[in-house]
């Protein structure tokens, strides 16, 4: 009898609890990958993805993101090859050591993963700062590389023969006021993804955002992970970067020239700020073109592709174009 009374009381209490006290439903990553952790150095493990596929191994390396940034792109690429991804140290679920963010150490991490996976030779694909690892591995371990694909990544931190542009030029900030996150933007991860889409014009995979920010018990977005310190460490490593002046592996470089910043401009009402932004973008496109031409002239047999008005995340904004170019490039390596 006491048991039945307790059951009824428990039911009544649960019905009377406010909805906002309910825990958020469990979210599951829909991307069809398997994840393992590979030790690359004492007390340093990296998150390694396997999207499957068959044929030539292709390894995806993110910029200032986790490998989840490829969650939507990688399964489509897996129709042509066996696709892997690596979340570098300092990001997402990978270890966050205090050191080891220089290009060659990051390149050694990639080699350690390839060894663990028993991959003798692969195509490395890097986005943004991922170009550092590509060039580090390609210049120091050319026998391990079947080809290199630079997705908005063939900038001077990846290739600098003195005929392109300086790293300092490329790291200058767009003169735009910040787009602050509001409480409603952080109320849930779908709301945050909508903010990204509204401000940047591209949709990140939800797992990427969930691996960048902590999730609160009610499903709202918490503080960022400690990846900010990793980005700062990478920037410090770039400052003392050993220049890569020669790339011998077959290479494909895709640039977004000019980059699409129309949504950014749409939020600018001050005419003076708008003029400054437009002047910055025009000059930046000139710098990009100079670097693209330096890569084309300096890397024998390379293919350089310019996608007009594409986002810096070219594989998200121009997925079909990038897949087409990569498939064509991979076909030359078989």
C-alpha atoms as a PDB file:
ATOM      1  CA  UNK A   1       0.000   0.000   0.000  1.00  0.00           C
ATOM      2  CA  UNK A   2       2.815   2.385   0.950  1.00  0.00           C
ATOM      3  CA  UNK A   3       4.548   1.514  -2.343  1.00  0.00           C
ATOM      4  CA  UNK A   4       1.431   2.465  -4.342  1.00  0.00           C
ATOM      5  CA  UNK A   5       1.076   5.765  -2.482  1.00  0.00           C
ATOM      6  CA  UNK A   6       4.732   6.581  -3.223  1.00  0.00           C
ATOM      7  CA  UNK A   7       4.255   5.753  -6.917  1.00  0.00           C
ATOM      8  CA  UNK A   8       1.258   8.109  -7.109  1.00  0.00           C
ATOM      9  CA  UNK A   9       3.124  10.831  -5.232  1.00  0.00           C
ATOM     10  CA  UNK A  10       6.110  10.499  -7.556  1.00  0.00           C
ATOM     11  CA  UNK A  11       3.879  10.724 -10.603  1.00  0.00           C
ATOM     12  CA  UNK A  12       2.167  13.830  -9.221  1.00  0.00           C
ATOM     13  CA  UNK A  13       5.507  15.502  -8.476  1.00  0.00           C
ATOM     14  CA  UNK A  14       6.805  14.779 -11.991  1.00  0.00           C
ATOM     15  CA  UNK A  15       3.673  16.264 -13.543  1.00  0.00           C
ATOM     16  CA  UNK A  16       3.944  19.383 -11.412  1.00  0.00           C
ATOM     17  CA  UNK A  17       7.659  20.007 -12.226  1.00  0.00           C
ATOM     18  CA  UNK A  18       8.183  22.980 -14.589  1.00  0.00           C
ATOM     19  CA  UNK A  19       9.155  22.077 -18.109  1.00  0.00           C
ATOM     20  CA  UNK A  20      12.406  24.028 -17.910  1.00  0.00           C
ATOM     21  CA  UNK A  21      13.603  21.724 -15.159  1.00  0.00           C
ATOM     22  CA  UNK A  22      13.566  18.725 -17.473  1.00  0.00           C
ATOM     23  CA  UNK A  23      16.973  17.597 -18.712  1.00  0.00           C
ATOM     24  CA  UNK A  24      17.657  18.105 -22.397  1.00  0.00           C
ATOM     25  CA  UNK A  25      17.158  15.046 -24.604  1.00  0.00           C
ATOM     26  CA  UNK A  26      20.299  13.148 -25.457  1.00  0.00           C
ATOM     27  CA  UNK A  27      21.733  14.306 -28.796  1.00  0.00           C
ATOM     28  CA  UNK A  28      23.466  11.815 -31.066  1.00  0.00           C
ATOM     29  CA  UNK A  29      25.874  12.611 -33.875  1.00  0.00           C
ATOM     30  CA  UNK A  30      24.252  11.489 -37.164  1.00  0.00           C
ATOM     31  CA  UNK A  31      27.504  11.392 -39.150  1.00  0.00           C
ATOM     32  CA  UNK A  32      28.447   7.790 -40.084  1.00  0.00           C
ATOM     33  CA  UNK A  33      31.908   7.673 -38.576  1.00  0.00           C
ATOM     34  CA  UNK A  34      33.762   5.554 -36.085  1.00  0.00           C
ATOM     35  CA  UNK A  35      35.985   7.343 -33.564  1.00  0.00           C
ATOM     36  CA  UNK A  36      39.077   6.119 -31.796  1.00  0.00           C
ATOM     37  CA  UNK A  37      41.861   7.801 -29.845  1.00  0.00           C
ATOM     38  CA  UNK A  38      45.494   7.472 -30.891  1.00  0.00           C
ATOM     39  CA  UNK A  39      48.435   8.231 -28.602  1.00  0.00           C
ATOM     40  CA  UNK A  40      50.908  10.441 -30.473  1.00  0.00           C
ATOM     41  CA  UNK A  41      53.123  11.505 -27.574  1.00  0.00           C
ATOM     42  CA  UNK A  42      53.302  10.832 -23.851  1.00  0.00           C
ATOM     43  CA  UNK A  43      49.942  11.853 -22.357  1.00  0.00           C
ATOM     44  CA  UNK A  44      48.690  13.192 -25.701  1.00  0.00           C
ATOM     45  CA  UNK A  45      45.850  11.433 -27.520  1.00  0.00           C
ATOM     46  CA  UNK A  46      44.151  12.581 -30.694  1.00  0.00           C
ATOM     47  CA  UNK A  47      40.582  11.979 -31.776  1.00  0.00           C
ATOM     48  CA  UNK A  48      40.660  10.062 -35.073  1.00  0.00           C
ATOM     49  CA  UNK A  49      37.654   9.590 -37.347  1.00  0.00           C
ATOM     50  CA  UNK A  50      36.945   6.864 -39.903  1.00  0.00           C
ATOM     51  CA  UNK A  51      34.107   7.535 -42.333  1.00  0.00           C
ATOM     52  CA  UNK A  52      34.810   4.342 -44.262  1.00  0.00           C
ATOM     53  CA  UNK A  53      35.032   3.908 -48.006  1.00  0.00           C
ATOM     54  CA  UNK A  54      37.567   1.966 -50.034  1.00  0.00           C
ATOM     55  CA  UNK A  55      40.639   2.713 -52.071  1.00  0.00           C
ATOM     56  CA  UNK A  56      43.211   5.440 -51.530  1.00  0.00           C
ATOM     57  CA  UNK A  57      43.337   6.709 -47.902  1.00  0.00           C
ATOM     58  CA  UNK A  58      42.421  10.383 -47.584  1.00  0.00           C
ATOM     59  CA  UNK A  59      43.037  12.166 -44.281  1.00  0.00           C
ATOM     60  CA  UNK A  60      41.146  15.389 -43.486  1.00  0.00           C
ATOM     61  CA  UNK A  61      42.799  18.019 -41.271  1.00  0.00           C
ATOM     62  CA  UNK A  62      40.779  20.936 -39.938  1.00  0.00           C
ATOM     63  CA  UNK A  63      41.870  24.524 -39.408  1.00  0.00           C
ATOM     64  CA  UNK A  64      40.731  26.045 -36.104  1.00  0.00           C
ATOM     65  CA  UNK A  65      38.008  23.418 -35.773  1.00  0.00           C
ATOM     66  CA  UNK A  66      37.651  19.771 -34.882  1.00  0.00           C
ATOM     67  CA  UNK A  67      37.377  17.023 -37.482  1.00  0.00           C
ATOM     68  CA  UNK A  68      33.611  17.206 -36.938  1.00  0.00           C
ATOM     69  CA  UNK A  69      33.658  20.173 -39.326  1.00  0.00           C
ATOM     70  CA  UNK A  70      33.846  17.510 -42.089  1.00  0.00           C
ATOM     71  CA  UNK A  71      30.870  15.484 -40.770  1.00  0.00           C
ATOM     72  CA  UNK A  72      28.655  16.364 -43.754  1.00  0.00           C
ATOM     73  CA  UNK A  73      31.377  16.547 -46.393  1.00  0.00           C
ATOM     74  CA  UNK A  74      33.366  13.384 -45.616  1.00  0.00           C
ATOM     75  CA  UNK A  75      30.617  10.769 -46.251  1.00  0.00           C
ATOM     76  CA  UNK A  76      30.174  12.101 -49.795  1.00  0.00           C
ATOM     77  CA  UNK A  77      33.906  11.920 -50.424  1.00  0.00           C
ATOM     78  CA  UNK A  78      33.931   8.333 -49.094  1.00  0.00           C
ATOM     79  CA  UNK A  79      32.265   7.181 -52.305  1.00  0.00           C
ATOM     80  CA  UNK A  80      35.685   7.549 -53.973  1.00  0.00           C
ATOM     81  CA  UNK A  81      38.243   6.710 -51.276  1.00  0.00           C
ATOM     82  CA  UNK A  82      38.695   5.717 -47.630  1.00  0.00           C
ATOM     83  CA  UNK A  83      38.220   8.864 -45.570  1.00  0.00           C
ATOM     84  CA  UNK A  84      39.767   9.598 -42.174  1.00  0.00           C
ATOM     85  CA  UNK A  85      39.944  12.746 -40.090  1.00  0.00           C
ATOM     86  CA  UNK A  86      42.101  13.985 -37.223  1.00  0.00           C
ATOM     87  CA  UNK A  87      41.266  16.522 -34.525  1.00  0.00           C
ATOM     88  CA  UNK A  88      44.609  18.141 -33.710  1.00  0.00           C
ATOM     89  CA  UNK A  89      45.856  18.567 -30.170  1.00  0.00           C
ATOM     90  CA  UNK A  90      44.191  21.373 -28.232  1.00  0.00           C
ATOM     91  CA  UNK A  91      40.803  20.979 -29.909  1.00  0.00           C
ATOM     92  CA  UNK A  92      37.598  19.096 -29.180  1.00  0.00           C
ATOM     93  CA  UNK A  93      38.048  15.727 -27.513  1.00  0.00           C
ATOM     94  CA  UNK A  94      41.784  15.537 -28.268  1.00  0.00           C
ATOM     95  CA  UNK A  95      44.266  16.169 -25.471  1.00  0.00           C
ATOM     96  CA  UNK A  96      45.078  19.773 -24.610  1.00  0.00           C
ATOM     97  CA  UNK A  97      48.775  19.822 -23.670  1.00  0.00           C
ATOM     98  CA  UNK A  98      50.569  23.036 -22.796  1.00  0.00           C
ATOM     99  CA  UNK A  99      52.981  22.731 -25.730  1.00  0.00           C
ATOM    100  CA  UNK A 100      53.496  21.089 -29.088  1.00  0.00           C
ATOM    101  CA  UNK A 101      51.688  23.505 -31.413  1.00  0.00           C
ATOM    102  CA  UNK A 102      54.481  24.215 -33.856  1.00  0.00           C
ATOM    103  CA  UNK A 103      54.025  23.032 -37.471  1.00  0.00           C
ATOM    104  CA  UNK A 104      56.536  20.181 -37.311  1.00  0.00           C
ATOM    105  CA  UNK A 105      55.242  18.802 -34.009  1.00  0.00           C
ATOM    106  CA  UNK A 106      51.706  18.918 -35.422  1.00  0.00           C
ATOM    107  CA  UNK A 107      53.030  17.205 -38.542  1.00  0.00           C
ATOM    108  CA  UNK A 108      54.635  14.525 -36.379  1.00  0.00           C
ATOM    109  CA  UNK A 109      51.229  13.972 -34.778  1.00  0.00           C
ATOM    110  CA  UNK A 110      49.803  13.226 -38.227  1.00  0.00           C
ATOM    111  CA  UNK A 111      52.597  10.741 -38.957  1.00  0.00           C
ATOM    112  CA  UNK A 112      51.973   9.039 -35.594  1.00  0.00           C
ATOM    113  CA  UNK A 113      48.299   8.610 -36.487  1.00  0.00           C
ATOM    114  CA  UNK A 114      49.166   7.217 -39.919  1.00  0.00           C
ATOM    115  CA  UNK A 115      51.534   4.739 -38.274  1.00  0.00           C
ATOM    116  CA  UNK A 116      48.861   3.656 -35.799  1.00  0.00           C
ATOM    117  CA  UNK A 117      46.367   3.154 -38.626  1.00  0.00           C
ATOM    118  CA  UNK A 118      49.027   1.290 -40.649  1.00  0.00           C
ATOM    119  CA  UNK A 119      48.651   3.725 -43.535  1.00  0.00           C
ATOM    120  CA  UNK A 120      51.878   3.877 -45.515  1.00  0.00           C
ATOM    121  CA  UNK A 121      50.853   6.563 -48.002  1.00  0.00           C
ATOM    122  CA  UNK A 122      47.831   8.852 -48.086  1.00  0.00           C
ATOM    123  CA  UNK A 123      46.373  12.022 -49.545  1.00  0.00           C
ATOM    124  CA  UNK A 124      46.372  14.774 -46.933  1.00  0.00           C
ATOM    125  CA  UNK A 125      43.620  17.388 -47.131  1.00  0.00           C
ATOM    126  CA  UNK A 126      43.917  20.508 -45.001  1.00  0.00           C
ATOM    127  CA  UNK A 127      41.621  23.462 -44.416  1.00  0.00           C
ATOM    128  CA  UNK A 128      43.034  26.840 -43.354  1.00  0.00           C
ATOM    129  CA  UNK A 129      45.807  26.301 -40.759  1.00  0.00           C
ATOM    130  CA  UNK A 130      45.658  22.600 -41.656  1.00  0.00           C
ATOM    131  CA  UNK A 131      47.918  23.610 -44.533  1.00  0.00           C
ATOM    132  CA  UNK A 132      50.776  23.796 -42.033  1.00  0.00           C
ATOM    133  CA  UNK A 133      50.573  20.085 -41.298  1.00  0.00           C
ATOM    134  CA  UNK A 134      50.281  19.292 -45.017  1.00  0.00           C
ATOM    135  CA  UNK A 135      53.447  21.149 -45.910  1.00  0.00           C
ATOM    136  CA  UNK A 136      55.335  19.953 -42.840  1.00  0.00           C
ATOM    137  CA  UNK A 137      54.609  16.304 -43.609  1.00  0.00           C
ATOM    138  CA  UNK A 138      54.993  16.744 -47.360  1.00  0.00           C
ATOM    139  CA  UNK A 139      58.398  18.431 -47.092  1.00  0.00           C
ATOM    140  CA  UNK A 140      59.833  16.155 -44.376  1.00  0.00           C
ATOM    141  CA  UNK A 141      58.171  12.818 -45.233  1.00  0.00           C
ATOM    142  CA  UNK A 142      57.456  12.927 -48.986  1.00  0.00           C
ATOM    143  CA  UNK A 143      57.273   9.132 -49.184  1.00  0.00           C
ATOM    144  CA  UNK A 144      54.214   9.140 -46.941  1.00  0.00           C
ATOM    145  CA  UNK A 145      52.279  11.496 -49.204  1.00  0.00           C
ATOM    146  CA  UNK A 146      50.423  10.515 -52.376  1.00  0.00           C
ATOM    147  CA  UNK A 147      49.024  14.009 -52.808  1.00  0.00           C
ATOM    148  CA  UNK A 148      48.179  17.237 -50.979  1.00  0.00           C
ATOM    149  CA  UNK A 149      44.899  19.170 -51.132  1.00  0.00           C
ATOM    150  CA  UNK A 150      44.859  22.704 -49.739  1.00  0.00           C
ATOM    151  CA  UNK A 151      41.356  24.037 -49.028  1.00  0.00           C
ATOM    152  CA  UNK A 152      41.874  27.763 -48.477  1.00  0.00           C
ATOM    153  CA  UNK A 153      45.122  26.592 -46.934  1.00  0.00           C
ATOM    154  CA  UNK A 154      47.926  27.312 -49.430  1.00  0.00           C
ATOM    155  CA  UNK A 155      48.878  30.546 -47.722  1.00  0.00           C
ATOM    156  CA  UNK A 156      52.393  31.520 -46.548  1.00  0.00           C
ATOM    157  CA  UNK A 157      52.190  29.364 -43.421  1.00  0.00           C
ATOM    158  CA  UNK A 158      52.050  26.436 -45.893  1.00  0.00           C
ATOM    159  CA  UNK A 159      54.118  27.733 -48.825  1.00  0.00           C
ATOM    160  CA  UNK A 160      56.389  30.768 -48.911  1.00  0.00           C
ATOM    161  CA  UNK A 161      59.010  31.107 -51.615  1.00  0.00           C
ATOM    162  CA  UNK A 162      59.211  34.871 -51.222  1.00  0.00           C
ATOM    163  CA  UNK A 163      56.999  35.602 -54.225  1.00  0.00           C
ATOM    164  CA  UNK A 164      53.636  35.506 -52.490  1.00  0.00           C
ATOM    165  CA  UNK A 165      52.401  37.513 -49.510  1.00  0.00           C
ATOM    166  CA  UNK A 166      53.438  37.728 -45.878  1.00  0.00           C
ATOM    167  CA  UNK A 167      51.726  36.015 -42.976  1.00  0.00           C
ATOM    168  CA  UNK A 168      51.307  39.424 -41.322  1.00  0.00           C
ATOM    169  CA  UNK A 169      49.271  40.663 -44.302  1.00  0.00           C
ATOM    170  CA  UNK A 170      46.939  37.686 -44.151  1.00  0.00           C
ATOM    171  CA  UNK A 171      46.394  37.806 -40.393  1.00  0.00           C
ATOM    172  CA  UNK A 172      45.070  41.378 -40.426  1.00  0.00           C
ATOM    173  CA  UNK A 173      41.534  41.535 -39.072  1.00  0.00           C
ATOM    174  CA  UNK A 174      38.499  42.486 -41.128  1.00  0.00           C
ATOM    175  CA  UNK A 175      37.498  45.989 -39.864  1.00  0.00           C
ATOM    176  CA  UNK A 176      34.012  44.899 -38.830  1.00  0.00           C
ATOM    177  CA  UNK A 177      32.255  45.391 -35.514  1.00  0.00           C
ATOM    178  CA  UNK A 178      31.745  42.049 -33.731  1.00  0.00           C
ATOM    179  CA  UNK A 179      28.441  40.246 -34.012  1.00  0.00           C
ATOM    180  CA  UNK A 180      27.611  39.522 -30.358  1.00  0.00           C
ATOM    181  CA  UNK A 181      25.826  36.378 -29.269  1.00  0.00           C
ATOM    182  CA  UNK A 182      22.594  37.060 -27.397  1.00  0.00           C
ATOM    183  CA  UNK A 183      20.993  34.903 -24.726  1.00  0.00           C
ATOM    184  CA  UNK A 184      18.469  33.661 -27.287  1.00  0.00           C
ATOM    185  CA  UNK A 185      21.303  32.693 -29.664  1.00  0.00           C
ATOM    186  CA  UNK A 186      22.755  30.540 -26.886  1.00  0.00           C
ATOM    187  CA  UNK A 187      19.466  29.060 -25.714  1.00  0.00           C
ATOM    188  CA  UNK A 188      20.146  25.868 -27.688  1.00  0.00           C
ATOM    189  CA  UNK A 189      22.605  24.473 -30.187  1.00  0.00           C
ATOM    190  CA  UNK A 190      20.098  24.762 -33.075  1.00  0.00           C
ATOM    191  CA  UNK A 191      19.721  28.453 -32.160  1.00  0.00           C
ATOM    192  CA  UNK A 192      23.510  28.886 -32.189  1.00  0.00           C
ATOM    193  CA  UNK A 193      23.742  27.156 -35.569  1.00  0.00           C
ATOM    194  CA  UNK A 194      21.113  29.567 -36.889  1.00  0.00           C
ATOM    195  CA  UNK A 195      23.274  32.463 -35.656  1.00  0.00           C
ATOM    196  CA  UNK A 196      26.296  31.059 -37.539  1.00  0.00           C
ATOM    197  CA  UNK A 197      24.193  30.720 -40.672  1.00  0.00           C
ATOM    198  CA  UNK A 198      22.822  34.238 -40.304  1.00  0.00           C
ATOM    199  CA  UNK A 199      26.199  35.875 -39.704  1.00  0.00           C
ATOM    200  CA  UNK A 200      28.510  33.756 -41.878  1.00  0.00           C
ATOM    201  CA  UNK A 201      26.170  32.319 -44.506  1.00  0.00           C
ATOM    202  CA  UNK A 202      27.201  28.698 -43.939  1.00  0.00           C
ATOM    203  CA  UNK A 203      25.860  25.880 -41.811  1.00  0.00           C
ATOM    204  CA  UNK A 204      28.302  24.055 -39.546  1.00  0.00           C
ATOM    205  CA  UNK A 205      27.604  20.412 -38.664  1.00  0.00           C
ATOM    206  CA  UNK A 206      25.965  20.430 -35.223  1.00  0.00           C
ATOM    207  CA  UNK A 207      28.621  18.102 -33.807  1.00  0.00           C
ATOM    208  CA  UNK A 208      31.280  20.702 -34.602  1.00  0.00           C
ATOM    209  CA  UNK A 209      29.558  23.344 -32.502  1.00  0.00           C
ATOM    210  CA  UNK A 210      28.842  20.860 -29.719  1.00  0.00           C
ATOM    211  CA  UNK A 211      32.538  20.012 -29.610  1.00  0.00           C
ATOM    212  CA  UNK A 212      33.533  23.672 -29.441  1.00  0.00           C
ATOM    213  CA  UNK A 213      31.162  24.673 -26.639  1.00  0.00           C
ATOM    214  CA  UNK A 214      30.095  22.899 -23.481  1.00  0.00           C
ATOM    215  CA  UNK A 215      26.450  21.900 -23.193  1.00  0.00           C
ATOM    216  CA  UNK A 216      24.483  22.908 -20.106  1.00  0.00           C
ATOM    217  CA  UNK A 217      22.067  20.407 -18.482  1.00  0.00           C
ATOM    218  CA  UNK A 218      19.059  22.246 -19.938  1.00  0.00           C
ATOM    219  CA  UNK A 219      20.482  22.045 -23.486  1.00  0.00           C
ATOM    220  CA  UNK A 220      21.671  25.643 -23.682  1.00  0.00           C
ATOM    221  CA  UNK A 221      25.158  26.557 -24.885  1.00  0.00           C
ATOM    222  CA  UNK A 222      27.834  26.948 -22.232  1.00  0.00           C
ATOM    223  CA  UNK A 223      31.347  28.337 -22.335  1.00  0.00           C
ATOM    224  CA  UNK A 224      33.814  27.541 -25.087  1.00  0.00           C
ATOM    225  CA  UNK A 225      36.351  24.773 -24.661  1.00  0.00           C
ATOM    226  CA  UNK A 226      39.976  25.771 -24.162  1.00  0.00           C
ATOM    227  CA  UNK A 227      40.640  25.793 -27.905  1.00  0.00           C
ATOM    228  CA  UNK A 228      41.204  29.562 -27.774  1.00  0.00           C
ATOM    229  CA  UNK A 229      44.564  28.940 -26.078  1.00  0.00           C
ATOM    230  CA  UNK A 230      45.421  26.384 -28.766  1.00  0.00           C
ATOM    231  CA  UNK A 231      44.712  28.923 -31.507  1.00  0.00           C
ATOM    232  CA  UNK A 232      46.958  31.420 -29.731  1.00  0.00           C
ATOM    233  CA  UNK A 233      49.686  28.774 -29.473  1.00  0.00           C
ATOM    234  CA  UNK A 234      49.407  28.041 -33.199  1.00  0.00           C
ATOM    235  CA  UNK A 235      49.667  31.761 -33.980  1.00  0.00           C
ATOM    236  CA  UNK A 236      52.809  31.900 -31.820  1.00  0.00           C
ATOM    237  CA  UNK A 237      54.203  28.908 -33.699  1.00  0.00           C
ATOM    238  CA  UNK A 238      53.525  30.650 -37.011  1.00  0.00           C
ATOM    239  CA  UNK A 239      55.583  33.634 -35.895  1.00  0.00           C
ATOM    240  CA  UNK A 240      58.712  31.463 -35.804  1.00  0.00           C
ATOM    241  CA  UNK A 241      57.707  29.324 -38.740  1.00  0.00           C
ATOM    242  CA  UNK A 242      60.333  27.659 -40.881  1.00  0.00           C
ATOM    243  CA  UNK A 243      59.308  28.581 -44.399  1.00  0.00           C
ATOM    244  CA  UNK A 244      58.336  25.792 -46.790  1.00  0.00           C
ATOM    245  CA  UNK A 245      59.759  26.868 -50.138  1.00  0.00           C
ATOM    246  CA  UNK A 246      59.353  23.655 -52.118  1.00  0.00           C
ATOM    247  CA  UNK A 247      56.523  21.134 -52.461  1.00  0.00           C
ATOM    248  CA  UNK A 248      57.261  18.060 -54.553  1.00  0.00           C
ATOM    249  CA  UNK A 249      54.068  16.055 -54.053  1.00  0.00           C
ATOM    250  CA  UNK A 250      51.144  16.374 -56.472  1.00  0.00           C
ATOM    251  CA  UNK A 251      49.073  19.262 -55.131  1.00  0.00           C
ATOM    252  CA  UNK A 252      45.620  20.783 -55.536  1.00  0.00           C
ATOM    253  CA  UNK A 253      45.010  24.218 -54.034  1.00  0.00           C
ATOM    254  CA  UNK A 254      41.536  25.739 -53.869  1.00  0.00           C
ATOM    255  CA  UNK A 255      41.209  29.443 -53.042  1.00  0.00           C
ATOM    256  CA  UNK A 256      38.094  31.530 -52.360  1.00  0.00           C
ATOM    257  CA  UNK A 257      38.915  34.643 -54.392  1.00  0.00           C
ATOM    258  CA  UNK A 258      37.285  36.936 -53.524  1.00  0.00           C
ATOM    259  CA  UNK A 259      35.828  35.579 -50.308  1.00  0.00           C
ATOM    260  CA  UNK A 260      32.109  36.009 -49.800  1.00  0.00           C
ATOM    261  CA  UNK A 261      31.584  38.640 -47.109  1.00  0.00           C
ATOM    262  CA  UNK A 262      28.220  39.928 -48.368  1.00  0.00           C
ATOM    263  CA  UNK A 263      26.379  38.915 -45.213  1.00  0.00           C
ATOM    264  CA  UNK A 264      28.988  40.693 -43.141  1.00  0.00           C
ATOM    265  CA  UNK A 265      28.486  43.856 -45.171  1.00  0.00           C
ATOM    266  CA  UNK A 266      24.701  43.556 -44.879  1.00  0.00           C
ATOM    267  CA  UNK A 267      25.024  44.176 -41.140  1.00  0.00           C
ATOM    268  CA  UNK A 268      27.018  47.399 -41.579  1.00  0.00           C
ATOM    269  CA  UNK A 269      25.031  50.639 -41.547  1.00  0.00           C
ATOM    270  CA  UNK A 270      27.809  53.171 -40.947  1.00  0.00           C
ATOM    271  CA  UNK A 271      28.968  54.409 -44.409  1.00  0.00           C
ATOM    272  CA  UNK A 272      32.522  54.989 -43.201  1.00  0.00           C
ATOM    273  CA  UNK A 273      32.814  51.487 -41.778  1.00  0.00           C
ATOM    274  CA  UNK A 274      31.271  50.023 -44.912  1.00  0.00           C
ATOM    275  CA  UNK A 275      33.801  51.849 -47.112  1.00  0.00           C
ATOM    276  CA  UNK A 276      36.661  50.603 -44.919  1.00  0.00           C
ATOM    277  CA  UNK A 277      35.400  47.024 -45.132  1.00  0.00           C
ATOM    278  CA  UNK A 278      34.984  47.156 -48.903  1.00  0.00           C
ATOM    279  CA  UNK A 279      38.502  48.593 -49.312  1.00  0.00           C
ATOM    280  CA  UNK A 280      39.917  45.884 -47.044  1.00  0.00           C
ATOM    281  CA  UNK A 281      38.184  43.120 -49.008  1.00  0.00           C
ATOM    282  CA  UNK A 282      39.365  44.495 -52.356  1.00  0.00           C
ATOM    283  CA  UNK A 283      42.961  44.637 -51.132  1.00  0.00           C
ATOM    284  CA  UNK A 284      42.681  41.191 -49.537  1.00  0.00           C
ATOM    285  CA  UNK A 285      41.544  39.682 -52.840  1.00  0.00           C
ATOM    286  CA  UNK A 286      44.656  41.160 -54.496  1.00  0.00           C
ATOM    287  CA  UNK A 287      46.836  39.532 -51.812  1.00  0.00           C
ATOM    288  CA  UNK A 288      45.044  36.208 -52.244  1.00  0.00           C
ATOM    289  CA  UNK A 289      45.572  36.287 -55.990  1.00  0.00           C
ATOM    290  CA  UNK A 290      49.269  37.056 -55.527  1.00  0.00           C
ATOM    291  CA  UNK A 291      49.613  34.039 -53.225  1.00  0.00           C
ATOM    292  CA  UNK A 292      47.627  31.790 -55.574  1.00  0.00           C
ATOM    293  CA  UNK A 293      49.871  32.743 -58.463  1.00  0.00           C
ATOM    294  CA  UNK A 294      53.011  32.185 -56.374  1.00  0.00           C
ATOM    295  CA  UNK A 295      51.779  28.687 -55.482  1.00  0.00           C
ATOM    296  CA  UNK A 296      50.876  27.933 -59.090  1.00  0.00           C
ATOM    297  CA  UNK A 297      54.279  29.082 -60.373  1.00  0.00           C
ATOM    298  CA  UNK A 298      56.292  27.602 -57.516  1.00  0.00           C
ATOM    299  CA  UNK A 299      54.771  24.128 -57.226  1.00  0.00           C
ATOM    300  CA  UNK A 300      55.386  22.205 -60.465  1.00  0.00           C
ATOM    301  CA  UNK A 301      52.385  20.368 -61.807  1.00  0.00           C
ATOM    302  CA  UNK A 302      50.028  21.793 -59.203  1.00  0.00           C
ATOM    303  CA  UNK A 303      46.418  22.655 -59.960  1.00  0.00           C
ATOM    304  CA  UNK A 304      45.181  25.940 -58.517  1.00  0.00           C
ATOM    305  CA  UNK A 305      41.434  26.596 -58.495  1.00  0.00           C
ATOM    306  CA  UNK A 306      39.826  29.948 -57.730  1.00  0.00           C
ATOM    307  CA  UNK A 307      36.198  29.880 -56.560  1.00  0.00           C
ATOM    308  CA  UNK A 308      34.591  33.309 -56.784  1.00  0.00           C
ATOM    309  CA  UNK A 309      32.548  34.533 -53.823  1.00  0.00           C
ATOM    310  CA  UNK A 310      33.020  31.300 -51.909  1.00  0.00           C
ATOM    311  CA  UNK A 311      33.228  31.197 -48.136  1.00  0.00           C
ATOM    312  CA  UNK A 312      36.530  30.526 -46.381  1.00  0.00           C
ATOM    313  CA  UNK A 313      34.933  27.131 -45.571  1.00  0.00           C
ATOM    314  CA  UNK A 314      34.863  26.286 -49.272  1.00  0.00           C
ATOM    315  CA  UNK A 315      33.908  22.656 -48.698  1.00  0.00           C
ATOM    316  CA  UNK A 316      30.716  23.872 -46.997  1.00  0.00           C
ATOM    317  CA  UNK A 317      29.752  26.820 -49.191  1.00  0.00           C
ATOM    318  CA  UNK A 318      30.809  25.172 -52.483  1.00  0.00           C
ATOM    319  CA  UNK A 319      30.606  21.490 -51.658  1.00  0.00           C
ATOM    320  CA  UNK A 320      29.836  20.323 -55.217  1.00  0.00           C
ATOM    321  CA  UNK A 321      32.741  22.332 -56.679  1.00  0.00           C
ATOM    322  CA  UNK A 322      35.215  21.004 -54.106  1.00  0.00           C
ATOM    323  CA  UNK A 323      34.048  17.406 -54.513  1.00  0.00           C
ATOM    324  CA  UNK A 324      34.374  17.674 -58.288  1.00  0.00           C
ATOM    325  CA  UNK A 325      37.893  19.092 -58.099  1.00  0.00           C
ATOM    326  CA  UNK A 326      39.011  16.583 -55.493  1.00  0.00           C
ATOM    327  CA  UNK A 327      37.609  13.615 -57.415  1.00  0.00           C
ATOM    328  CA  UNK A 328      39.393  14.770 -60.532  1.00  0.00           C
ATOM    329  CA  UNK A 329      42.626  15.171 -58.581  1.00  0.00           C
ATOM    330  CA  UNK A 330      42.301  11.780 -56.877  1.00  0.00           C
ATOM    331  CA  UNK A 331      41.700  10.118 -60.256  1.00  0.00           C
ATOM    332  CA  UNK A 332      45.154  11.290 -61.392  1.00  0.00           C
ATOM    333  CA  UNK A 333      46.771   9.542 -58.402  1.00  0.00           C
ATOM    334  CA  UNK A 334      45.314   6.066 -58.981  1.00  0.00           C
END
